[in-house]
Amino acid sequence: MKSLLELALEAHGGLTRWSQLKAVTAGLSVTCALGQIKGHAGALQQIRIASFFRSVD
């Protein structure tokens, strides 16, 4: 029986494909009532985050 990790890797291109990736980026917006109460409404809207898997040359 295959592990969950093996199934997930196969479903998304295999380990060889994942080994080629260098980074992942995401765009997101976070809103909450507490931010509005504290006067920071919209502080985390339309932000972009990135994570690098290994050092970039």
C-alpha atoms as a PDB file:
ATOM      1  CA  MET A   1       0.000   0.000   0.000  1.00  0.00           C
ATOM      2  CA  LYS A   2       1.339   3.429  -0.976  1.00  0.00           C
ATOM      3  CA  SER A   3       1.763   6.154   1.605  1.00  0.00           C
ATOM      4  CA  LEU A   4      -0.231   9.359   1.438  1.00  0.00           C
ATOM      5  CA  LEU A   5       2.942  11.251   0.487  1.00  0.00           C
ATOM      6  CA  GLU A   6       3.611   8.903  -2.448  1.00  0.00           C
ATOM      7  CA  LEU A   7       0.023   9.258  -3.674  1.00  0.00           C
ATOM      8  CA  ALA A   8       0.132  13.059  -3.400  1.00  0.00           C
ATOM      9  CA  LEU A   9       3.471  13.288  -5.230  1.00  0.00           C
ATOM     10  CA  GLU A  10       2.269  11.039  -8.054  1.00  0.00           C
ATOM     11  CA  ALA A  11      -0.964  13.025  -8.394  1.00  0.00           C
ATOM     12  CA  HIS A  12       0.984  16.266  -8.793  1.00  0.00           C
ATOM     13  CA  GLY A  13       3.754  15.349 -11.208  1.00  0.00           C
ATOM     14  CA  GLY A  14       6.029  13.021  -9.256  1.00  0.00           C
ATOM     15  CA  LEU A  15       9.149  13.587  -7.169  1.00  0.00           C
ATOM     16  CA  THR A  16      11.249  14.493 -10.224  1.00  0.00           C
ATOM     17  CA  ARG A  17       8.911  17.385 -11.041  1.00  0.00           C
ATOM     18  CA  TRP A  18       8.815  18.626  -7.443  1.00  0.00           C
ATOM     19  CA  SER A  19      12.620  18.501  -7.247  1.00  0.00           C
ATOM     20  CA  GLN A  20      12.780  21.017 -10.113  1.00  0.00           C
ATOM     21  CA  LEU A  21      10.819  23.680  -8.227  1.00  0.00           C
ATOM     22  CA  LYS A  22      12.690  26.549  -6.596  1.00  0.00           C
ATOM     23  CA  ALA A  23       9.919  28.600  -4.974  1.00  0.00           C
ATOM     24  CA  VAL A  24       6.214  29.060  -4.475  1.00  0.00           C
ATOM     25  CA  THR A  25       4.325  32.354  -4.322  1.00  0.00           C
ATOM     26  CA  ALA A  26       0.793  33.188  -3.257  1.00  0.00           C
ATOM     27  CA  GLY A  27      -1.424  36.229  -3.258  1.00  0.00           C
ATOM     28  CA  LEU A  28      -3.909  36.628  -0.428  1.00  0.00           C
ATOM     29  CA  SER A  29      -6.098  38.988   1.521  1.00  0.00           C
ATOM     30  CA  VAL A  30      -6.796  38.638   5.237  1.00  0.00           C
ATOM     31  CA  THR A  31      -9.608  40.511   6.944  1.00  0.00           C
ATOM     32  CA  CYS A  32     -11.014  40.205  10.462  1.00  0.00           C
ATOM     33  CA  ALA A  33     -13.146  42.109  12.922  1.00  0.00           C
ATOM     34  CA  LEU A  34     -10.206  42.543  15.317  1.00  0.00           C
ATOM     35  CA  GLY A  35      -8.219  44.365  12.636  1.00  0.00           C
ATOM     36  CA  GLN A  36     -11.090  46.811  12.176  1.00  0.00           C
ATOM     37  CA  ILE A  37     -11.423  47.363  15.927  1.00  0.00           C
ATOM     38  CA  LYS A  38      -7.678  48.025  16.275  1.00  0.00           C
ATOM     39  CA  GLY A  39      -7.708  50.452  13.334  1.00  0.00           C
ATOM     40  CA  HIS A  40      -5.782  48.192  10.944  1.00  0.00           C
ATOM     41  CA  ALA A  41      -8.569  47.356   8.540  1.00  0.00           C
ATOM     42  CA  GLY A  42      -7.163  46.463   5.145  1.00  0.00           C
ATOM     43  CA  ALA A  43      -3.571  46.133   6.374  1.00  0.00           C
ATOM     44  CA  LEU A  44      -3.275  42.617   4.951  1.00  0.00           C
ATOM     45  CA  GLN A  45      -5.210  42.985   1.719  1.00  0.00           C
ATOM     46  CA  GLN A  46      -3.710  42.008  -1.622  1.00  0.00           C
ATOM     47  CA  ILE A  47      -0.353  40.919  -0.206  1.00  0.00           C
ATOM     48  CA  ARG A  48       2.055  38.544  -1.922  1.00  0.00           C
ATOM     49  CA  ILE A  49       4.175  35.992  -0.069  1.00  0.00           C
ATOM     50  CA  ALA A  50       6.985  33.764  -1.311  1.00  0.00           C
ATOM     51  CA  SER A  51       8.841  30.763   0.032  1.00  0.00           C
ATOM     52  CA  PHE A  52      12.086  29.471  -1.472  1.00  0.00           C
ATOM     53  CA  PHE A  53      12.808  25.748  -1.218  1.00  0.00           C
ATOM     54  CA  ARG A  54      16.602  26.082  -1.467  1.00  0.00           C
ATOM     55  CA  SER A  55      19.089  28.900  -1.773  1.00  0.00           C
ATOM     56  CA  VAL A  56      18.738  30.927  -4.957  1.00  0.00           C
ATOM     57  CA  ASP A  57      21.918  31.749  -6.873  1.00  0.00           C
END
